[in-house]
PDB file of N, CA and C in Angstrom:
ATOM      1  N   UNK A   1      -7.700  31.252 136.266  1.00  0.00           N
ATOM      2  CA  UNK A   1      -6.633  32.208 135.993  1.00  0.00           C
ATOM      3  C   UNK A   1      -6.993  32.967 134.747  1.00  0.00           C
ATOM      4  N   UNK A   2      -7.487  32.197 133.704  1.00  0.00           N
ATOM      5  CA  UNK A   2      -7.617  32.766 132.352  1.00  0.00           C
ATOM      6  C   UNK A   2      -8.806  33.605 132.458  1.00  0.00           C
ATOM      7  N   UNK A   3      -9.884  33.367 133.350  1.00  0.00           N
ATOM      8  CA  UNK A   3     -10.982  34.209 133.391  1.00  0.00           C
ATOM      9  C   UNK A   3     -10.578  35.547 134.019  1.00  0.00           C
ATOM     10  N   UNK A   4      -9.626  35.610 134.897  1.00  0.00           N
ATOM     11  CA  UNK A   4      -9.107  36.784 135.660  1.00  0.00           C
ATOM     12  C   UNK A   4      -8.466  37.792 134.641  1.00  0.00           C
ATOM     13  N   UNK A   5      -7.692  37.122 133.797  1.00  0.00           N
ATOM     14  CA  UNK A   5      -6.919  37.832 132.716  1.00  0.00           C
ATOM     15  C   UNK A   5      -7.866  38.535 131.727  1.00  0.00           C
ATOM     16  N   UNK A   6      -9.032  37.837 131.427  1.00  0.00           N
ATOM     17  CA  UNK A   6      -9.965  38.400 130.449  1.00  0.00           C
ATOM     18  C   UNK A   6     -10.703  39.605 131.134  1.00  0.00           C
ATOM     19  N   UNK A   7     -10.927  39.486 132.478  1.00  0.00           N
ATOM     20  CA  UNK A   7     -11.669  40.818 133.060  1.00  0.00           C
ATOM     21  C   UNK A   7     -10.715  41.866 133.151  1.00  0.00           C
ATOM     22  N   UNK A   8      -9.413  41.569 133.364  1.00  0.00           N
ATOM     23  CA  UNK A   8      -8.397  42.669 133.390  1.00  0.00           C
ATOM     24  C   UNK A   8      -8.304  43.411 132.007  1.00  0.00           C
ATOM     25  N   UNK A   9      -8.231  42.455 130.952  1.00  0.00           N
ATOM     26  CA  UNK A   9      -8.257  43.097 129.664  1.00  0.00           C
ATOM     27  C   UNK A   9      -9.580  43.898 129.314  1.00  0.00           C
ATOM     28  N   UNK A  10     -10.712  43.341 129.770  1.00  0.00           N
ATOM     29  CA  UNK A  10     -11.886  44.128 129.464  1.00  0.00           C
ATOM     30  C   UNK A  10     -12.007  45.373 130.239  1.00  0.00           C
ATOM     31  N   UNK A  11     -11.527  45.361 131.402  1.00  0.00           N
ATOM     32  CA  UNK A  11     -11.440  46.499 132.296  1.00  0.00           C
ATOM     33  C   UNK A  11     -10.583  47.496 131.713  1.00  0.00           C
ATOM     34  N   UNK A  12      -9.393  47.308 131.225  1.00  0.00           N
ATOM     35  CA  UNK A  12      -8.473  48.272 130.695  1.00  0.00           C
ATOM     36  C   UNK A  12      -9.053  48.845 129.367  1.00  0.00           C
ATOM     37  N   UNK A  13      -9.591  47.896 128.644  1.00  0.00           N
ATOM     38  CA  UNK A  13     -10.104  48.296 127.238  1.00  0.00           C
ATOM     39  C   UNK A  13     -11.335  49.242 127.395  1.00  0.00           C
ATOM     40  N   UNK A  14     -12.207  48.950 128.321  1.00  0.00           N
ATOM     41  CA  UNK A  14     -13.409  49.839 128.662  1.00  0.00           C
ATOM     42  C   UNK A  14     -12.824  51.257 129.167  1.00  0.00           C
ATOM     43  N   UNK A  15     -11.902  51.162 130.147  1.00  0.00           N
ATOM     44  CA  UNK A  15     -11.272  52.371 130.785  1.00  0.00           C
ATOM     45  C   UNK A  15     -10.748  53.352 129.694  1.00  0.00           C
ATOM     46  N   UNK A  16      -9.956  52.637 128.744  1.00  0.00           N
ATOM     47  CA  UNK A  16      -9.319  53.473 127.723  1.00  0.00           C
ATOM     48  C   UNK A  16     -10.444  54.022 126.709  1.00  0.00           C
ATOM     49  N   UNK A  17     -11.397  53.205 126.423  1.00  0.00           N
ATOM     50  CA  UNK A  17     -12.491  53.573 125.562  1.00  0.00           C
ATOM     51  C   UNK A  17     -13.250  54.804 126.121  1.00  0.00           C
ATOM     52  N   UNK A  18     -13.575  54.685 127.254  1.00  0.00           N
ATOM     53  CA  UNK A  18     -14.475  55.827 127.937  1.00  0.00           C
ATOM     54  C   UNK A  18     -13.595  57.018 128.024  1.00  0.00           C
ATOM     55  N   UNK A  19     -12.405  56.920 128.521  1.00  0.00           N
ATOM     56  CA  UNK A  19     -11.399  58.033 128.650  1.00  0.00           C
ATOM     57  C   UNK A  19     -11.129  58.669 127.200  1.00  0.00           C
ATOM     58  N   UNK A  20     -10.936  57.724 126.185  1.00  0.00           N
ATOM     59  CA  UNK A  20     -10.776  58.205 124.838  1.00  0.00           C
ATOM     60  C   UNK A  20     -11.928  59.020 124.371  1.00  0.00           C
ATOM     61  N   UNK A  21     -13.117  58.631 124.573  1.00  0.00           N
ATOM     62  CA  UNK A  21     -14.365  59.411 124.186  1.00  0.00           C
ATOM     63  C   UNK A  21     -14.341  60.712 124.905  1.00  0.00           C
ATOM     64  N   UNK A  22     -14.155  60.745 126.170  1.00  0.00           N
ATOM     65  CA  UNK A  22     -14.176  61.965 126.888  1.00  0.00           C
ATOM     66  C   UNK A  22     -12.999  62.903 126.506  1.00  0.00           C
ATOM     67  N   UNK A  23     -11.880  62.356 126.176  1.00  0.00           N
ATOM     68  CA  UNK A  23     -10.826  63.194 125.649  1.00  0.00           C
ATOM     69  C   UNK A  23     -11.085  63.831 124.212  1.00  0.00           C
ATOM     70  N   UNK A  24     -11.737  62.853 123.365  1.00  0.00           N
ATOM     71  CA  UNK A  24     -12.095  63.364 121.991  1.00  0.00           C
ATOM     72  C   UNK A  24     -13.160  64.452 122.174  1.00  0.00           C
ATOM     73  N   UNK A  25     -14.068  64.310 122.972  1.00  0.00           N
ATOM     74  CA  UNK A  25     -15.155  65.293 123.208  1.00  0.00           C
ATOM     75  C   UNK A  25     -14.540  66.605 123.755  1.00  0.00           C
ATOM     76  N   UNK A  26     -13.563  66.459 124.666  1.00  0.00           N
ATOM     77  CA  UNK A  26     -12.969  67.751 125.132  1.00  0.00           C
ATOM     78  C   UNK A  26     -12.250  68.427 124.020  1.00  0.00           C
ATOM     79  N   UNK A  27     -11.519  67.732 123.176  1.00  0.00           N
ATOM     80  CA  UNK A  27     -10.742  68.346 122.138  1.00  0.00           C
ATOM     81  C   UNK A  27     -11.649  69.078 121.150  1.00  0.00           C
ATOM     82  N   UNK A  28     -12.755  68.454 120.727  1.00  0.00           N
ATOM     83  CA  UNK A  28     -13.681  68.920 119.841  1.00  0.00           C
ATOM     84  C   UNK A  28     -14.226  70.181 120.484  1.00  0.00           C
ATOM     85  N   UNK A  29     -14.683  70.176 121.715  1.00  0.00           N
ATOM     86  CA  UNK A  29     -15.345  71.430 122.342  1.00  0.00           C
ATOM     87  C   UNK A  29     -14.202  72.505 122.442  1.00  0.00           C
ATOM     88  N   UNK A  30     -13.073  72.263 122.729  1.00  0.00           N
ATOM     89  CA  UNK A  30     -11.993  73.399 122.856  1.00  0.00           C
ATOM     90  C   UNK A  30     -11.801  73.851 121.372  1.00  0.00           C
ATOM     91  N   UNK A  31     -11.799  73.040 120.432  1.00  0.00           N
ATOM     92  CA  UNK A  31     -11.510  73.538 118.999  1.00  0.00           C
ATOM     93  C   UNK A  31     -12.688  74.362 118.553  1.00  0.00           C
ATOM     94  N   UNK A  32     -13.989  73.854 118.781  1.00  0.00           N
ATOM     95  CA  UNK A  32     -15.081  74.754 118.435  1.00  0.00           C
ATOM     96  C   UNK A  32     -15.141  76.069 119.207  1.00  0.00           C
ATOM     97  N   UNK A  33     -14.806  75.954 120.562  1.00  0.00           N
ATOM     98  CA  UNK A  33     -14.756  77.181 121.290  1.00  0.00           C
ATOM     99  C   UNK A  33     -13.861  78.230 120.822  1.00  0.00           C
ATOM    100  N   UNK A  34     -12.716  77.783 120.419  1.00  0.00           N
ATOM    101  CA  UNK A  34     -11.586  78.668 119.946  1.00  0.00           C
ATOM    102  C   UNK A  34     -11.999  79.282 118.455  1.00  0.00           C
ATOM    103  N   UNK A  35     -12.740  78.334 117.773  1.00  0.00           N
ATOM    104  CA  UNK A  35     -13.180  78.881 116.435  1.00  0.00           C
ATOM    105  C   UNK A  35     -14.291  79.875 116.588  1.00  0.00           C
ATOM    106  N   UNK A  36     -15.146  79.688 117.544  1.00  0.00           N
ATOM    107  CA  UNK A  36     -16.140  80.704 117.768  1.00  0.00           C
ATOM    108  C   UNK A  36     -15.611  81.908 118.263  1.00  0.00           C
ATOM    109  N   UNK A  37     -14.593  81.966 119.250  1.00  0.00           N
ATOM    110  CA  UNK A  37     -13.999  83.223 119.748  1.00  0.00           C
ATOM    111  C   UNK A  37     -13.340  83.992 118.666  1.00  0.00           C
ATOM    112  N   UNK A  38     -12.640  83.219 117.781  1.00  0.00           N
ATOM    113  CA  UNK A  38     -12.015  83.882 116.606  1.00  0.00           C
ATOM    114  C   UNK A  38     -13.044  84.488 115.649  1.00  0.00           C
ATOM    115  N   UNK A  39     -14.018  83.889 115.494  1.00  0.00           N
ATOM    116  CA  UNK A  39     -15.115  84.474 114.603  1.00  0.00           C
ATOM    117  C   UNK A  39     -15.843  85.632 115.345  1.00  0.00           C
ATOM    118  N   UNK A  40     -16.119  85.513 116.531  1.00  0.00           N
ATOM    119  CA  UNK A  40     -16.820  86.644 117.260  1.00  0.00           C
ATOM    120  C   UNK A  40     -15.817  87.810 117.227  1.00  0.00           C
ATOM    121  N   UNK A  41     -14.579  87.654 117.392  1.00  0.00           N
ATOM    122  CA  UNK A  41     -13.632  88.824 117.253  1.00  0.00           C
ATOM    123  C   UNK A  41     -13.552  89.484 116.011  1.00  0.00           C
ATOM    124  N   UNK A  42     -13.765  88.759 114.856  1.00  0.00           N
ATOM    125  CA  UNK A  42     -13.769  89.361 113.583  1.00  0.00           C
ATOM    126  C   UNK A  42     -14.982  89.640 112.850  1.00  0.00           C
ATOM    127  N   UNK A  43     -16.127  89.338 113.455  1.00  0.00           N
ATOM    128  CA  UNK A  43     -17.414  89.687 112.720  1.00  0.00           C
ATOM    129  C   UNK A  43     -17.722  91.053 112.694  1.00  0.00           C
ATOM    130  N   UNK A  44     -18.108  91.357 111.580  1.00  0.00           N
ATOM    131  CA  UNK A  44     -18.664  92.847 111.222  1.00  0.00           C
ATOM    132  C   UNK A  44     -20.195  92.828 111.176  1.00  0.00           C
ATOM    133  N   UNK A  45     -20.794  93.366 111.975  1.00  0.00           N
ATOM    134  CA  UNK A  45     -22.295  93.463 111.987  1.00  0.00           C
ATOM    135  C   UNK A  45     -22.750  94.255 110.691  1.00  0.00           C
ATOM    136  N   UNK A  46     -21.953  95.233 110.180  1.00  0.00           N
ATOM    137  CA  UNK A  46     -22.477  95.975 109.053  1.00  0.00           C
ATOM    138  C   UNK A  46     -22.366  95.141 107.691  1.00  0.00           C
ATOM    139  N   UNK A  47     -21.783  93.958 107.754  1.00  0.00           N
ATOM    140  CA  UNK A  47     -21.719  93.051 106.571  1.00  0.00           C
ATOM    141  C   UNK A  47     -23.074  92.346 106.346  1.00  0.00           C
ATOM    142  N   UNK A  48     -23.979  92.356 107.324  1.00  0.00           N
ATOM    143  CA  UNK A  48     -25.095  91.649 107.277  1.00  0.00           C
ATOM    144  C   UNK A  48     -26.311  92.600 107.033  1.00  0.00           C
ATOM    145  N   UNK A  49     -27.211  92.052 106.072  1.00  0.00           N
ATOM    146  CA  UNK A  49     -28.322  92.862 105.731  1.00  0.00           C
ATOM    147  C   UNK A  49     -29.452  92.648 106.716  1.00  0.00           C
ATOM    148  N   UNK A  50     -29.673  91.431 107.194  1.00  0.00           N
ATOM    149  CA  UNK A  50     -30.804  91.269 108.038  1.00  0.00           C
ATOM    150  C   UNK A  50     -30.233  90.699 109.400  1.00  0.00           C
ATOM    151  N   UNK A  51     -31.041  90.843 110.451  1.00  0.00           N
ATOM    152  CA  UNK A  51     -30.779  90.244 111.710  1.00  0.00           C
ATOM    153  C   UNK A  51     -30.722  88.828 111.784  1.00  0.00           C
ATOM    154  N   UNK A  52     -31.529  88.212 110.952  1.00  0.00           N
ATOM    155  CA  UNK A  52     -31.692  86.633 110.903  1.00  0.00           C
ATOM    156  C   UNK A  52     -30.412  86.051 110.363  1.00  0.00           C
ATOM    157  N   UNK A  53     -29.824  86.732 109.389  1.00  0.00           N
ATOM    158  CA  UNK A  53     -28.486  86.172 108.788  1.00  0.00           C
ATOM    159  C   UNK A  53     -27.424  86.287 109.850  1.00  0.00           C
ATOM    160  N   UNK A  54     -27.418  87.340 110.629  1.00  0.00           N
ATOM    161  CA  UNK A  54     -26.357  87.522 111.726  1.00  0.00           C
ATOM    162  C   UNK A  54     -26.562  86.504 112.720  1.00  0.00           C
ATOM    163  N   UNK A  55     -27.832  86.275 113.214  1.00  0.00           N
ATOM    164  CA  UNK A  55     -28.170  85.209 114.251  1.00  0.00           C
ATOM    165  C   UNK A  55     -27.802  83.870 113.775  1.00  0.00           C
ATOM    166  N   UNK A  56     -27.866  83.507 112.414  1.00  0.00           N
ATOM    167  CA  UNK A  56     -27.400  82.134 111.951  1.00  0.00           C
ATOM    168  C   UNK A  56     -26.037  81.859 111.977  1.00  0.00           C
ATOM    169  N   UNK A  57     -25.370  82.930 111.608  1.00  0.00           N
ATOM    170  CA  UNK A  57     -23.804  82.898 111.605  1.00  0.00           C
ATOM    171  C   UNK A  57     -23.361  82.908 113.022  1.00  0.00           C
ATOM    172  N   UNK A  58     -23.840  83.601 113.854  1.00  0.00           N
ATOM    173  CA  UNK A  58     -23.362  83.726 115.251  1.00  0.00           C
ATOM    174  C   UNK A  58     -23.562  82.382 115.900  1.00  0.00           C
ATOM    175  N   UNK A  59     -24.669  81.686 115.560  1.00  0.00           N
ATOM    176  CA  UNK A  59     -25.020  80.381 116.252  1.00  0.00           C
ATOM    177  C   UNK A  59     -24.416  79.295 115.715  1.00  0.00           C
ATOM    178  N   UNK A  60     -23.541  79.312 114.614  1.00  0.00           N
ATOM    179  CA  UNK A  60     -23.021  78.089 114.166  1.00  0.00           C
ATOM    180  C   UNK A  60     -22.064  77.399 115.131  1.00  0.00           C
ATOM    181  N   UNK A  61     -22.255  76.082 115.248  1.00  0.00           N
ATOM    182  CA  UNK A  61     -21.563  75.212 116.201  1.00  0.00           C
ATOM    183  C   UNK A  61     -21.787  75.373 117.636  1.00  0.00           C
ATOM    184  N   UNK A  62     -22.767  76.249 118.106  1.00  0.00           N
ATOM    185  CA  UNK A  62     -23.049  76.368 119.411  1.00  0.00           C
ATOM    186  C   UNK A  62     -23.828  75.181 119.952  1.00  0.00           C
ATOM    187  N   UNK A  63     -24.678  74.691 119.021  1.00  0.00           N
ATOM    188  CA  UNK A  63     -25.494  73.557 119.372  1.00  0.00           C
ATOM    189  C   UNK A  63     -24.578  72.307 119.533  1.00  0.00           C
ATOM    190  N   UNK A  64     -23.474  72.175 118.788  1.00  0.00           N
ATOM    191  CA  UNK A  64     -22.573  71.073 118.963  1.00  0.00           C
ATOM    192  C   UNK A  64     -21.874  71.139 120.276  1.00  0.00           C
ATOM    193  N   UNK A  65     -21.595  72.412 120.573  1.00  0.00           N
ATOM    194  CA  UNK A  65     -20.793  72.543 121.974  1.00  0.00           C
ATOM    195  C   UNK A  65     -21.777  72.164 123.074  1.00  0.00           C
ATOM    196  N   UNK A  66     -23.059  72.656 122.891  1.00  0.00           N
ATOM    197  CA  UNK A  66     -24.012  72.317 124.040  1.00  0.00           C
ATOM    198  C   UNK A  66     -24.262  70.863 124.032  1.00  0.00           C
ATOM    199  N   UNK A  67     -24.343  70.172 123.032  1.00  0.00           N
ATOM    200  CA  UNK A  67     -24.662  68.731 122.911  1.00  0.00           C
ATOM    201  C   UNK A  67     -23.475  67.982 123.694  1.00  0.00           C
ATOM    202  N   UNK A  68     -22.354  68.336 123.370  1.00  0.00           N
ATOM    203  CA  UNK A  68     -21.091  67.776 123.978  1.00  0.00           C
ATOM    204  C   UNK A  68     -21.022  67.964 125.524  1.00  0.00           C
ATOM    205  N   UNK A  69     -21.381  69.183 125.840  1.00  0.00           N
ATOM    206  CA  UNK A  69     -21.411  69.445 127.235  1.00  0.00           C
ATOM    207  C   UNK A  69     -22.519  68.967 128.052  1.00  0.00           C
ATOM    208  N   UNK A  70     -23.594  68.558 127.442  1.00  0.00           N
ATOM    209  CA  UNK A  70     -24.663  67.902 128.104  1.00  0.00           C
ATOM    210  C   UNK A  70     -24.438  66.414 128.056  1.00  0.00           C
ATOM    211  N   UNK A  71     -23.758  65.859 127.179  1.00  0.00           N
ATOM    212  CA  UNK A  71     -23.570  64.356 127.231  1.00  0.00           C
ATOM    213  C   UNK A  71     -22.333  63.929 127.860  1.00  0.00           C
ATOM    214  N   UNK A  72     -21.318  64.786 128.124  1.00  0.00           N
ATOM    215  CA  UNK A  72     -20.112  64.352 128.721  1.00  0.00           C
ATOM    216  C   UNK A  72     -20.292  63.749 130.212  1.00  0.00           C
ATOM    217  N   UNK A  73     -21.130  64.285 130.985  1.00  0.00           N
ATOM    218  CA  UNK A  73     -21.388  63.653 132.366  1.00  0.00           C
ATOM    219  C   UNK A  73     -21.936  62.197 132.242  1.00  0.00           C
ATOM    220  N   UNK A  74     -22.776  61.977 131.279  1.00  0.00           N
ATOM    221  CA  UNK A  74     -23.341  60.671 130.979  1.00  0.00           C
ATOM    222  C   UNK A  74     -22.283  59.639 130.559  1.00  0.00           C
ATOM    223  N   UNK A  75     -21.336  60.169 129.768  1.00  0.00           N
ATOM    224  CA  UNK A  75     -20.167  59.264 129.394  1.00  0.00           C
ATOM    225  C   UNK A  75     -19.421  58.818 130.555  1.00  0.00           C
ATOM    226  N   UNK A  76     -19.043  59.915 131.335  1.00  0.00           N
ATOM    227  CA  UNK A  76     -18.434  59.606 132.630  1.00  0.00           C
ATOM    228  C   UNK A  76     -19.089  58.620 133.425  1.00  0.00           C
ATOM    229  N   UNK A  77     -20.407  58.889 133.604  1.00  0.00           N
ATOM    230  CA  UNK A  77     -21.242  57.901 134.441  1.00  0.00           C
ATOM    231  C   UNK A  77     -21.204  56.527 133.929  1.00  0.00           C
ATOM    232  N   UNK A  78     -21.200  56.387 132.631  1.00  0.00           N
ATOM    233  CA  UNK A  78     -21.181  55.126 132.044  1.00  0.00           C
ATOM    234  C   UNK A  78     -19.854  54.376 132.345  1.00  0.00           C
ATOM    235  N   UNK A  79     -18.701  55.228 132.375  1.00  0.00           N
ATOM    236  CA  UNK A  79     -17.469  54.613 132.715  1.00  0.00           C
ATOM    237  C   UNK A  79     -17.389  54.187 134.182  1.00  0.00           C
ATOM    238  N   UNK A  80     -18.101  54.891 135.020  1.00  0.00           N
ATOM    239  CA  UNK A  80     -18.130  54.558 136.436  1.00  0.00           C
ATOM    240  C   UNK A  80     -18.956  53.266 136.656  1.00  0.00           C
ATOM    241  N   UNK A  81     -20.101  53.194 136.010  1.00  0.00           N
ATOM    242  CA  UNK A  81     -21.021  52.142 136.139  1.00  0.00           C
ATOM    243  C   UNK A  81     -20.248  50.789 135.517  1.00  0.00           C
ATOM    244  N   UNK A  82     -19.679  50.999 134.370  1.00  0.00           N
ATOM    245  CA  UNK A  82     -18.992  49.756 133.843  1.00  0.00           C
ATOM    246  C   UNK A  82     -17.822  49.273 134.698  1.00  0.00           C
ATOM    247  N   UNK A  83     -17.101  50.353 135.347  1.00  0.00           N
ATOM    248  CA  UNK A  83     -15.954  50.026 136.312  1.00  0.00           C
ATOM    249  C   UNK A  83     -16.563  49.230 137.494  1.00  0.00           C
ATOM    250  N   UNK A  84     -17.592  49.706 138.034  1.00  0.00           N
ATOM    251  CA  UNK A  84     -18.192  48.907 139.160  1.00  0.00           C
ATOM    252  C   UNK A  84     -18.794  47.551 138.805  1.00  0.00           C
ATOM    253  N   UNK A  85     -19.267  47.423 137.692  1.00  0.00           N
ATOM    254  CA  UNK A  85     -19.695  46.149 137.192  1.00  0.00           C
ATOM    255  C   UNK A  85     -18.559  45.087 137.041  1.00  0.00           C
ATOM    256  N   UNK A  86     -17.367  45.561 136.522  1.00  0.00           N
ATOM    257  CA  UNK A  86     -16.386  44.795 136.290  1.00  0.00           C
ATOM    258  C   UNK A  86     -15.622  44.258 137.562  1.00  0.00           C
ATOM    259  N   UNK A  87     -15.478  45.273 138.523  1.00  0.00           N
ATOM    260  CA  UNK A  87     -14.855  44.942 139.808  1.00  0.00           C
ATOM    261  C   UNK A  87     -15.635  44.146 140.763  1.00  0.00           C
TER     262      UNK A  87
END
């Protein structure tokens, strides 16, 4: 009986952990997306002397969004695998 309750606790903890990570990744992605859209709407190309400076400023946070987007499916898969192993 005690072993069953431990498994239920582990299952709930892991479910909340995986979902928490996915929700956090979603919030960060949305926040960075909104920040980039606000920046793109207000950028003045005439303020930049070189094309390289403009490209650096336009590319800020895009790698973070790409990293989160490419890793989110693996976190979801991890949750699926852990759920299968527990049940």
